[in-house]
Amino acid sequence: MSPEFLVAVAGFVMITVVVGLARILWGPGDADRVMAAQLLGTGGIATLLLVSVARDLPAAVDVALTLAMLAAFASIAFVKGVTAAQDEDSGEGGGR
């Protein structure tokens, strides 16, 4: 594939990320905002990978993989926080 096509696809992905930014700013709930943040992370990683292939920048792949790991940990932390808050509200408090 031509580098111009890859950069154009990266631009399209960034447009979808900008649309997701509206959900973060005006989302109805916390879960919607976290899912939009995941979209931002995934779109950023995809853009970084597309541009790294188009411009032959192998070091960008390492950065993209690091961002992917951080995004996964952020999702896990959110879910653990929500379940802990629900346990607290229901009075279970399992001592975790």
PDB file of N, CA and C in Angstrom:
ATOM      1  N   MET A   1       0.833  -1.183   0.000  1.00  0.00           N
ATOM      2  CA  MET A   1       0.000   0.000   0.000  1.00  0.00           C
ATOM      3  C   MET A   1       0.878   1.248   0.000  1.00  0.00           C
ATOM      4  N   SER A   2       0.345   2.263  -0.604  1.00  0.00           N
ATOM      5  CA  SER A   2       1.121   3.495  -0.705  1.00  0.00           C
ATOM      6  C   SER A   2       1.085   4.253   0.625  1.00  0.00           C
ATOM      7  N   PRO A   3       2.154   4.955   0.925  1.00  0.00           N
ATOM      8  CA  PRO A   3       2.191   5.745   2.165  1.00  0.00           C
ATOM      9  C   PRO A   3       1.099   6.803   2.224  1.00  0.00           C
ATOM     10  N   GLU A   4       0.726   7.362   1.086  1.00  0.00           N
ATOM     11  CA  GLU A   4      -0.316   8.388   1.073  1.00  0.00           C
ATOM     12  C   GLU A   4      -1.657   7.803   1.505  1.00  0.00           C
ATOM     13  N   PHE A   5      -1.944   6.584   1.059  1.00  0.00           N
ATOM     14  CA  PHE A   5      -3.187   5.928   1.451  1.00  0.00           C
ATOM     15  C   PHE A   5      -3.203   5.658   2.955  1.00  0.00           C
ATOM     16  N   LEU A   6      -2.076   5.187   3.495  1.00  0.00           N
ATOM     17  CA  LEU A   6      -2.009   4.907   4.931  1.00  0.00           C
ATOM     18  C   LEU A   6      -2.183   6.174   5.759  1.00  0.00           C
ATOM     19  N   VAL A   7      -1.608   7.268   5.305  1.00  0.00           N
ATOM     20  CA  VAL A   7      -1.767   8.533   6.023  1.00  0.00           C
ATOM     21  C   VAL A   7      -3.212   9.019   5.922  1.00  0.00           C
ATOM     22  N   ALA A   8      -3.850   8.800   4.778  1.00  0.00           N
ATOM     23  CA  ALA A   8      -5.254   9.183   4.635  1.00  0.00           C
ATOM     24  C   ALA A   8      -6.140   8.358   5.573  1.00  0.00           C
ATOM     25  N   VAL A   9      -5.868   7.081   5.684  1.00  0.00           N
ATOM     26  CA  VAL A   9      -6.633   6.229   6.607  1.00  0.00           C
ATOM     27  C   VAL A   9      -6.389   6.675   8.045  1.00  0.00           C
ATOM     28  N   ALA A  10      -5.156   7.042   8.361  1.00  0.00           N
ATOM     29  CA  ALA A  10      -4.850   7.542   9.703  1.00  0.00           C
ATOM     30  C   ALA A  10      -5.633   8.826   9.982  1.00  0.00           C
ATOM     31  N   GLY A  11      -5.779   9.665   8.996  1.00  0.00           N
ATOM     32  CA  GLY A  11      -6.576  10.891   9.158  1.00  0.00           C
ATOM     33  C   GLY A  11      -8.042  10.571   9.411  1.00  0.00           C
ATOM     34  N   PHE A  12      -8.577   9.580   8.705  1.00  0.00           N
ATOM     35  CA  PHE A  12      -9.961   9.174   8.929  1.00  0.00           C
ATOM     36  C   PHE A  12     -10.145   8.627  10.342  1.00  0.00           C
ATOM     37  N   VAL A  13      -9.189   7.846  10.805  1.00  0.00           N
ATOM     38  CA  VAL A  13      -9.267   7.312  12.173  1.00  0.00           C
ATOM     39  C   VAL A  13      -9.246   8.452  13.179  1.00  0.00           C
ATOM     40  N   MET A  14      -8.430   9.465  12.933  1.00  0.00           N
ATOM     41  CA  MET A  14      -8.375  10.606  13.844  1.00  0.00           C
ATOM     42  C   MET A  14      -9.687  11.386  13.849  1.00  0.00           C
ATOM     43  N   ILE A  15     -10.385  11.422  12.722  1.00  0.00           N
ATOM     44  CA  ILE A  15     -11.695  12.087  12.687  1.00  0.00           C
ATOM     45  C   ILE A  15     -12.672  11.344  13.590  1.00  0.00           C
ATOM     46  N   THR A  16     -12.645  10.008  13.555  1.00  0.00           N
ATOM     47  CA  THR A  16     -13.533   9.242  14.436  1.00  0.00           C
ATOM     48  C   THR A  16     -13.158   9.441  15.897  1.00  0.00           C
ATOM     49  N   VAL A  17     -11.892   9.637  16.161  1.00  0.00           N
ATOM     50  CA  VAL A  17     -11.445   9.897  17.535  1.00  0.00           C
ATOM     51  C   VAL A  17     -11.979  11.241  18.022  1.00  0.00           C
ATOM     52  N   VAL A  18     -11.978  12.239  17.159  1.00  0.00           N
ATOM     53  CA  VAL A  18     -12.502  13.558  17.520  1.00  0.00           C
ATOM     54  C   VAL A  18     -13.997  13.466  17.828  1.00  0.00           C
ATOM     55  N   VAL A  19     -14.715  12.653  17.067  1.00  0.00           N
ATOM     56  CA  VAL A  19     -16.143  12.450  17.346  1.00  0.00           C
ATOM     57  C   VAL A  19     -16.307  11.791  18.722  1.00  0.00           C
ATOM     58  N   GLY A  20     -15.423  10.856  19.051  1.00  0.00           N
ATOM     59  CA  GLY A  20     -15.465  10.221  20.369  1.00  0.00           C
ATOM     60  C   GLY A  20     -15.164  11.187  21.496  1.00  0.00           C
ATOM     61  N   LEU A  21     -14.402  12.223  21.200  1.00  0.00           N
ATOM     62  CA  LEU A  21     -14.096  13.226  22.216  1.00  0.00           C
ATOM     63  C   LEU A  21     -15.360  13.924  22.700  1.00  0.00           C
ATOM     64  N   ALA A  22     -16.327  14.094  21.823  1.00  0.00           N
ATOM     65  CA  ALA A  22     -17.598  14.698  22.229  1.00  0.00           C
ATOM     66  C   ALA A  22     -18.287  13.833  23.283  1.00  0.00           C
ATOM     67  N   ARG A  23     -18.171  12.516  23.150  1.00  0.00           N
ATOM     68  CA  ARG A  23     -18.792  11.612  24.134  1.00  0.00           C
ATOM     69  C   ARG A  23     -18.090  11.729  25.490  1.00  0.00           C
ATOM     70  N   ILE A  24     -16.804  11.951  25.480  1.00  0.00           N
ATOM     71  CA  ILE A  24     -16.097  12.124  26.756  1.00  0.00           C
ATOM     72  C   ILE A  24     -16.566  13.403  27.443  1.00  0.00           C
ATOM     73  N   LEU A  25     -16.695  14.472  26.659  1.00  0.00           N
ATOM     74  CA  LEU A  25     -17.059  15.753  27.250  1.00  0.00           C
ATOM     75  C   LEU A  25     -18.514  15.804  27.697  1.00  0.00           C
ATOM     76  N   TRP A  26     -19.420  15.202  26.910  1.00  0.00           N
ATOM     77  CA  TRP A  26     -20.844  15.322  27.202  1.00  0.00           C
ATOM     78  C   TRP A  26     -21.533  13.981  27.386  1.00  0.00           C
ATOM     79  N   GLY A  27     -20.779  12.946  27.749  1.00  0.00           N
ATOM     80  CA  GLY A  27     -21.366  11.611  27.910  1.00  0.00           C
ATOM     81  C   GLY A  27     -22.362  11.563  29.051  1.00  0.00           C
ATOM     82  N   PRO A  28     -23.392  10.746  28.913  1.00  0.00           N
ATOM     83  CA  PRO A  28     -24.398  10.686  29.973  1.00  0.00           C
ATOM     84  C   PRO A  28     -23.905   9.994  31.243  1.00  0.00           C
ATOM     85  N   GLY A  29     -22.939   9.103  31.132  1.00  0.00           N
ATOM     86  CA  GLY A  29     -22.507   8.384  32.325  1.00  0.00           C
ATOM     87  C   GLY A  29     -21.008   8.120  32.308  1.00  0.00           C
ATOM     88  N   ASP A  30     -20.519   7.635  33.451  1.00  0.00           N
ATOM     89  CA  ASP A  30     -19.090   7.349  33.564  1.00  0.00           C
ATOM     90  C   ASP A  30     -18.649   6.234  32.626  1.00  0.00           C
ATOM     91  N   ALA A  31     -19.475   5.204  32.488  1.00  0.00           N
ATOM     92  CA  ALA A  31     -19.112   4.094  31.605  1.00  0.00           C
ATOM     93  C   ALA A  31     -19.008   4.559  30.158  1.00  0.00           C
ATOM     94  N   ASP A  32     -19.905   5.453  29.745  1.00  0.00           N
ATOM     95  CA  ASP A  32     -19.827   5.990  28.387  1.00  0.00           C
ATOM     96  C   ASP A  32     -18.538   6.772  28.190  1.00  0.00           C
ATOM     97  N   ARG A  33     -18.166   7.515  29.186  1.00  0.00           N
ATOM     98  CA  ARG A  33     -16.931   8.301  29.085  1.00  0.00           C
ATOM     99  C   ARG A  33     -15.701   7.404  29.025  1.00  0.00           C
ATOM    100  N   VAL A  34     -15.697   6.340  29.812  1.00  0.00           N
ATOM    101  CA  VAL A  34     -14.548   5.425  29.789  1.00  0.00           C
ATOM    102  C   VAL A  34     -14.464   4.706  28.442  1.00  0.00           C
ATOM    103  N   MET A  35     -15.606   4.303  27.903  1.00  0.00           N
ATOM    104  CA  MET A  35     -15.589   3.646  26.601  1.00  0.00           C
ATOM    105  C   MET A  35     -15.113   4.608  25.515  1.00  0.00           C
ATOM    106  N   ALA A  36     -15.476   5.868  25.610  1.00  0.00           N
ATOM    107  CA  ALA A  36     -14.987   6.865  24.655  1.00  0.00           C
ATOM    108  C   ALA A  36     -13.486   7.084  24.821  1.00  0.00           C
ATOM    109  N   ALA A  37     -13.020   7.050  26.051  1.00  0.00           N
ATOM    110  CA  ALA A  37     -11.576   7.160  26.291  1.00  0.00           C
ATOM    111  C   ALA A  37     -10.844   5.961  25.691  1.00  0.00           C
ATOM    112  N   GLN A  38     -11.464   4.786  25.778  1.00  0.00           N
ATOM    113  CA  GLN A  38     -10.886   3.606  25.142  1.00  0.00           C
ATOM    114  C   GLN A  38     -10.824   3.807  23.624  1.00  0.00           C
ATOM    115  N   LEU A  39     -11.872   4.425  23.063  1.00  0.00           N
ATOM    116  CA  LEU A  39     -11.865   4.726  21.635  1.00  0.00           C
ATOM    117  C   LEU A  39     -10.712   5.663  21.290  1.00  0.00           C
ATOM    118  N   LEU A  40     -10.490   6.664  22.132  1.00  0.00           N
ATOM    119  CA  LEU A  40      -9.375   7.575  21.897  1.00  0.00           C
ATOM    120  C   LEU A  40      -8.048   6.829  21.915  1.00  0.00           C
ATOM    121  N   GLY A  41      -7.891   5.933  22.888  1.00  0.00           N
ATOM    122  CA  GLY A  41      -6.657   5.167  22.974  1.00  0.00           C
ATOM    123  C   GLY A  41      -6.470   4.248  21.779  1.00  0.00           C
ATOM    124  N   THR A  42      -7.536   3.550  21.412  1.00  0.00           N
ATOM    125  CA  THR A  42      -7.448   2.631  20.282  1.00  0.00           C
ATOM    126  C   THR A  42      -7.206   3.382  18.975  1.00  0.00           C
ATOM    127  N   GLY A  43      -7.902   4.494  18.801  1.00  0.00           N
ATOM    128  CA  GLY A  43      -7.700   5.298  17.597  1.00  0.00           C
ATOM    129  C   GLY A  43      -6.300   5.886  17.537  1.00  0.00           C
ATOM    130  N   GLY A  44      -5.801   6.319  18.679  1.00  0.00           N
ATOM    131  CA  GLY A  44      -4.432   6.838  18.721  1.00  0.00           C
ATOM    132  C   GLY A  44      -3.405   5.781  18.390  1.00  0.00           C
ATOM    133  N   ILE A  45      -3.623   4.582  18.907  1.00  0.00           N
ATOM    134  CA  ILE A  45      -2.708   3.475  18.616  1.00  0.00           C
ATOM    135  C   ILE A  45      -2.766   3.123  17.137  1.00  0.00           C
ATOM    136  N   ALA A  46      -3.982   3.038  16.582  1.00  0.00           N
ATOM    137  CA  ALA A  46      -4.127   2.719  15.159  1.00  0.00           C
ATOM    138  C   ALA A  46      -3.462   3.778  14.295  1.00  0.00           C
ATOM    139  N   THR A  47      -3.663   5.038  14.640  1.00  0.00           N
ATOM    140  CA  THR A  47      -3.043   6.119  13.881  1.00  0.00           C
ATOM    141  C   THR A  47      -1.526   6.048  13.959  1.00  0.00           C
ATOM    142  N   LEU A  48      -1.030   5.806  15.145  1.00  0.00           N
ATOM    143  CA  LEU A  48       0.417   5.701  15.328  1.00  0.00           C
ATOM    144  C   LEU A  48       1.003   4.556  14.510  1.00  0.00           C
ATOM    145  N   LEU A  49       0.319   3.415  14.503  1.00  0.00           N
ATOM    146  CA  LEU A  49       0.805   2.277  13.726  1.00  0.00           C
ATOM    147  C   LEU A  49       0.742   2.554  12.226  1.00  0.00           C
ATOM    148  N   LEU A  50      -0.349   3.163  11.758  1.00  0.00           N
ATOM    149  CA  LEU A  50      -0.462   3.473  10.333  1.00  0.00           C
ATOM    150  C   LEU A  50       0.616   4.451   9.881  1.00  0.00           C
ATOM    151  N   VAL A  51       0.840   5.484  10.668  1.00  0.00           N
ATOM    152  CA  VAL A  51       1.850   6.478  10.303  1.00  0.00           C
ATOM    153  C   VAL A  51       3.253   5.875  10.398  1.00  0.00           C
ATOM    154  N   SER A  52       3.471   4.991  11.378  1.00  0.00           N
ATOM    155  CA  SER A  52       4.799   4.390  11.501  1.00  0.00           C
ATOM    156  C   SER A  52       5.123   3.503  10.307  1.00  0.00           C
ATOM    157  N   VAL A  53       4.114   2.809   9.772  1.00  0.00           N
ATOM    158  CA  VAL A  53       4.343   1.999   8.572  1.00  0.00           C
ATOM    159  C   VAL A  53       4.525   2.905   7.351  1.00  0.00           C
ATOM    160  N   ALA A  54       3.714   3.953   7.256  1.00  0.00           N
ATOM    161  CA  ALA A  54       3.790   4.849   6.097  1.00  0.00           C
ATOM    162  C   ALA A  54       5.119   5.598   6.047  1.00  0.00           C
ATOM    163  N   ARG A  55       5.625   5.990   7.188  1.00  0.00           N
ATOM    164  CA  ARG A  55       6.858   6.789   7.240  1.00  0.00           C
ATOM    165  C   ARG A  55       8.096   5.978   7.627  1.00  0.00           C
ATOM    166  N   ASP A  56       7.928   4.667   7.774  1.00  0.00           N
ATOM    167  CA  ASP A  56       9.024   3.762   8.121  1.00  0.00           C
ATOM    168  C   ASP A  56       9.715   4.189   9.427  1.00  0.00           C
ATOM    169  N   LEU A  57       8.904   4.259  10.487  1.00  0.00           N
ATOM    170  CA  LEU A  57       9.399   4.609  11.819  1.00  0.00           C
ATOM    171  C   LEU A  57       9.176   3.420  12.763  1.00  0.00           C
ATOM    172  N   PRO A  58      10.128   2.491  12.835  1.00  0.00           N
ATOM    173  CA  PRO A  58       9.898   1.283  13.637  1.00  0.00           C
ATOM    174  C   PRO A  58       9.789   1.550  15.144  1.00  0.00           C
ATOM    175  N   ALA A  59      10.362   2.622  15.634  1.00  0.00           N
ATOM    176  CA  ALA A  59      10.297   2.907  17.071  1.00  0.00           C
ATOM    177  C   ALA A  59       8.885   3.262  17.505  1.00  0.00           C
ATOM    178  N   ALA A  60       8.059   3.751  16.606  1.00  0.00           N
ATOM    179  CA  ALA A  60       6.688   4.121  16.944  1.00  0.00           C
ATOM    180  C   ALA A  60       5.854   2.899  17.305  1.00  0.00           C
ATOM    181  N   VAL A  61       6.225   1.737  16.796  1.00  0.00           N
ATOM    182  CA  VAL A  61       5.496   0.510  17.115  1.00  0.00           C
ATOM    183  C   VAL A  61       5.638   0.202  18.611  1.00  0.00           C
ATOM    184  N   ASP A  62       6.815   0.411  19.169  1.00  0.00           N
ATOM    185  CA  ASP A  62       7.022   0.194  20.602  1.00  0.00           C
ATOM    186  C   ASP A  62       6.152   1.140  21.435  1.00  0.00           C
ATOM    187  N   VAL A  63       6.057   2.376  20.996  1.00  0.00           N
ATOM    188  CA  VAL A  63       5.219   3.347  21.698  1.00  0.00           C
ATOM    189  C   VAL A  63       3.754   2.932  21.626  1.00  0.00           C
ATOM    190  N   ALA A  64       3.320   2.469  20.462  1.00  0.00           N
ATOM    191  CA  ALA A  64       1.935   2.033  20.295  1.00  0.00           C
ATOM    192  C   ALA A  64       1.621   0.832  21.194  1.00  0.00           C
ATOM    193  N   LEU A  65       2.526  -0.116  21.286  1.00  0.00           N
ATOM    194  CA  LEU A  65       2.296  -1.275  22.149  1.00  0.00           C
ATOM    195  C   LEU A  65       2.250  -0.879  23.622  1.00  0.00           C
ATOM    196  N   THR A  66       3.072   0.073  24.010  1.00  0.00           N
ATOM    197  CA  THR A  66       3.045   0.565  25.390  1.00  0.00           C
ATOM    198  C   THR A  66       1.712   1.247  25.691  1.00  0.00           C
ATOM    199  N   LEU A  67       1.233   2.045  24.752  1.00  0.00           N
ATOM    200  CA  LEU A  67      -0.066   2.701  24.940  1.00  0.00           C
ATOM    201  C   LEU A  67      -1.198   1.677  25.018  1.00  0.00           C
ATOM    202  N   ALA A  68      -1.106   0.617  24.242  1.00  0.00           N
ATOM    203  CA  ALA A  68      -2.134  -0.431  24.276  1.00  0.00           C
ATOM    204  C   ALA A  68      -2.159  -1.106  25.646  1.00  0.00           C
ATOM    205  N   MET A  69      -0.991  -1.358  26.215  1.00  0.00           N
ATOM    206  CA  MET A  69      -0.945  -1.960  27.551  1.00  0.00           C
ATOM    207  C   MET A  69      -1.523  -1.018  28.598  1.00  0.00           C
ATOM    208  N   LEU A  70      -1.189   0.250  28.523  1.00  0.00           N
ATOM    209  CA  LEU A  70      -1.724   1.218  29.482  1.00  0.00           C
ATOM    210  C   LEU A  70      -3.241   1.341  29.372  1.00  0.00           C
ATOM    211  N   ALA A  71      -3.768   1.280  28.164  1.00  0.00           N
ATOM    212  CA  ALA A  71      -5.220   1.356  27.972  1.00  0.00           C
ATOM    213  C   ALA A  71      -5.908   0.149  28.603  1.00  0.00           C
ATOM    214  N   ALA A  72      -5.310  -1.016  28.475  1.00  0.00           N
ATOM    215  CA  ALA A  72      -5.896  -2.214  29.085  1.00  0.00           C
ATOM    216  C   ALA A  72      -5.903  -2.087  30.603  1.00  0.00           C
ATOM    217  N   PHE A  73      -4.819  -1.602  31.169  1.00  0.00           N
ATOM    218  CA  PHE A  73      -4.769  -1.426  32.626  1.00  0.00           C
ATOM    219  C   PHE A  73      -5.768  -0.376  33.097  1.00  0.00           C
ATOM    220  N   ALA A  74      -5.975   0.663  32.318  1.00  0.00           N
ATOM    221  CA  ALA A  74      -6.949   1.686  32.693  1.00  0.00           C
ATOM    222  C   ALA A  74      -8.355   1.104  32.728  1.00  0.00           C
ATOM    223  N   SER A  75      -8.686   0.254  31.778  1.00  0.00           N
ATOM    224  CA  SER A  75     -10.009  -0.380  31.775  1.00  0.00           C
ATOM    225  C   SER A  75     -10.186  -1.280  32.981  1.00  0.00           C
ATOM    226  N   ILE A  76      -9.165  -2.035  33.300  1.00  0.00           N
ATOM    227  CA  ILE A  76      -9.230  -2.933  34.459  1.00  0.00           C
ATOM    228  C   ILE A  76      -9.408  -2.126  35.735  1.00  0.00           C
ATOM    229  N   ALA A  77      -8.673  -1.031  35.860  1.00  0.00           N
ATOM    230  CA  ALA A  77      -8.789  -0.188  37.056  1.00  0.00           C
ATOM    231  C   ALA A  77     -10.191   0.402  37.174  1.00  0.00           C
ATOM    232  N   PHE A  78     -10.774   0.818  36.060  1.00  0.00           N
ATOM    233  CA  PHE A  78     -12.127   1.370  36.095  1.00  0.00           C
ATOM    234  C   PHE A  78     -13.128   0.322  36.557  1.00  0.00           C
ATOM    235  N   VAL A  79     -13.041  -0.871  35.992  1.00  0.00           N
ATOM    236  CA  VAL A  79     -13.987  -1.933  36.362  1.00  0.00           C
ATOM    237  C   VAL A  79     -13.823  -2.302  37.834  1.00  0.00           C
ATOM    238  N   LYS A  80     -12.593  -2.408  38.304  1.00  0.00           N
ATOM    239  CA  LYS A  80     -12.373  -2.722  39.723  1.00  0.00           C
ATOM    240  C   LYS A  80     -12.919  -1.620  40.621  1.00  0.00           C
ATOM    241  N   GLY A  81     -12.756  -0.376  40.205  1.00  0.00           N
ATOM    242  CA  GLY A  81     -13.282   0.735  40.995  1.00  0.00           C
ATOM    243  C   GLY A  81     -14.799   0.738  41.037  1.00  0.00           C
ATOM    244  N   VAL A  82     -15.428   0.452  39.919  1.00  0.00           N
ATOM    245  CA  VAL A  82     -16.888   0.428  39.873  1.00  0.00           C
ATOM    246  C   VAL A  82     -17.427  -0.726  40.712  1.00  0.00           C
ATOM    247  N   THR A  83     -16.816  -1.903  40.586  1.00  0.00           N
ATOM    248  CA  THR A  83     -17.309  -3.043  41.369  1.00  0.00           C
ATOM    249  C   THR A  83     -17.066  -2.834  42.856  1.00  0.00           C
ATOM    250  N   ALA A  84     -15.970  -2.185  43.226  1.00  0.00           N
ATOM    251  CA  ALA A  84     -15.726  -1.902  44.638  1.00  0.00           C
ATOM    252  C   ALA A  84     -16.762  -0.920  45.175  1.00  0.00           C
ATOM    253  N   ALA A  85     -17.115   0.075  44.373  1.00  0.00           N
ATOM    254  CA  ALA A  85     -18.127   1.036  44.796  1.00  0.00           C
ATOM    255  C   ALA A  85     -19.493   0.374  44.917  1.00  0.00           C
ATOM    256  N   GLN A  86     -19.803  -0.547  44.018  1.00  0.00           N
ATOM    257  CA  GLN A  86     -21.076  -1.266  44.097  1.00  0.00           C
ATOM    258  C   GLN A  86     -21.115  -2.179  45.310  1.00  0.00           C
ATOM    259  N   ASP A  87     -19.994  -2.823  45.624  1.00  0.00           N
ATOM    260  CA  ASP A  87     -19.929  -3.669  46.819  1.00  0.00           C
ATOM    261  C   ASP A  87     -20.129  -2.838  48.078  1.00  0.00           C
ATOM    262  N   GLU A  88     -19.534  -1.635  48.085  1.00  0.00           N
ATOM    263  CA  GLU A  88     -19.662  -0.744  49.231  1.00  0.00           C
ATOM    264  C   GLU A  88     -21.106  -0.282  49.415  1.00  0.00           C
ATOM    265  N   ASP A  89     -21.750   0.021  48.292  1.00  0.00           N
ATOM    266  CA  ASP A  89     -23.138   0.471  48.339  1.00  0.00           C
ATOM    267  C   ASP A  89     -24.087  -0.628  48.803  1.00  0.00           C
ATOM    268  N   SER A  90     -23.780  -1.862  48.412  1.00  0.00           N
ATOM    269  CA  SER A  90     -24.671  -2.971  48.776  1.00  0.00           C
ATOM    270  C   SER A  90     -24.348  -3.539  50.165  1.00  0.00           C
ATOM    271  N   GLY A  91     -23.255  -3.077  50.748  1.00  0.00           N
ATOM    272  CA  GLY A  91     -22.899  -3.520  52.102  1.00  0.00           C
ATOM    273  C   GLY A  91     -22.139  -4.823  52.161  1.00  0.00           C
ATOM    274  N   GLU A  92     -21.670  -5.308  51.013  1.00  0.00           N
ATOM    275  CA  GLU A  92     -20.943  -6.578  51.015  1.00  0.00           C
ATOM    276  C   GLU A  92     -19.540  -6.393  51.550  1.00  0.00           C
ATOM    277  N   GLY A  93     -18.788  -5.442  51.013  1.00  0.00           N
ATOM    278  CA  GLY A  93     -17.447  -5.140  51.507  1.00  0.00           C
ATOM    279  C   GLY A  93     -16.600  -6.361  51.750  1.00  0.00           C
ATOM    280  N   GLY A  94     -16.264  -7.103  50.724  1.00  0.00           N
ATOM    281  CA  GLY A  94     -15.556  -8.365  50.859  1.00  0.00           C
ATOM    282  C   GLY A  94     -14.129  -8.257  51.358  1.00  0.00           C
ATOM    283  N   GLY A  95     -13.661  -7.074  51.711  1.00  0.00           N
ATOM    284  CA  GLY A  95     -12.324  -6.920  52.265  1.00  0.00           C
ATOM    285  C   GLY A  95     -11.231  -7.005  51.224  1.00  0.00           C
ATOM    286  N   ARG A  96     -11.529  -6.641  49.992  1.00  0.00           N
ATOM    287  CA  ARG A  96     -10.517  -6.688  48.934  1.00  0.00           C
ATOM    288  C   ARG A  96      -9.679  -5.482  48.940  1.00  0.00           C
TER     289      ARG A  96
END
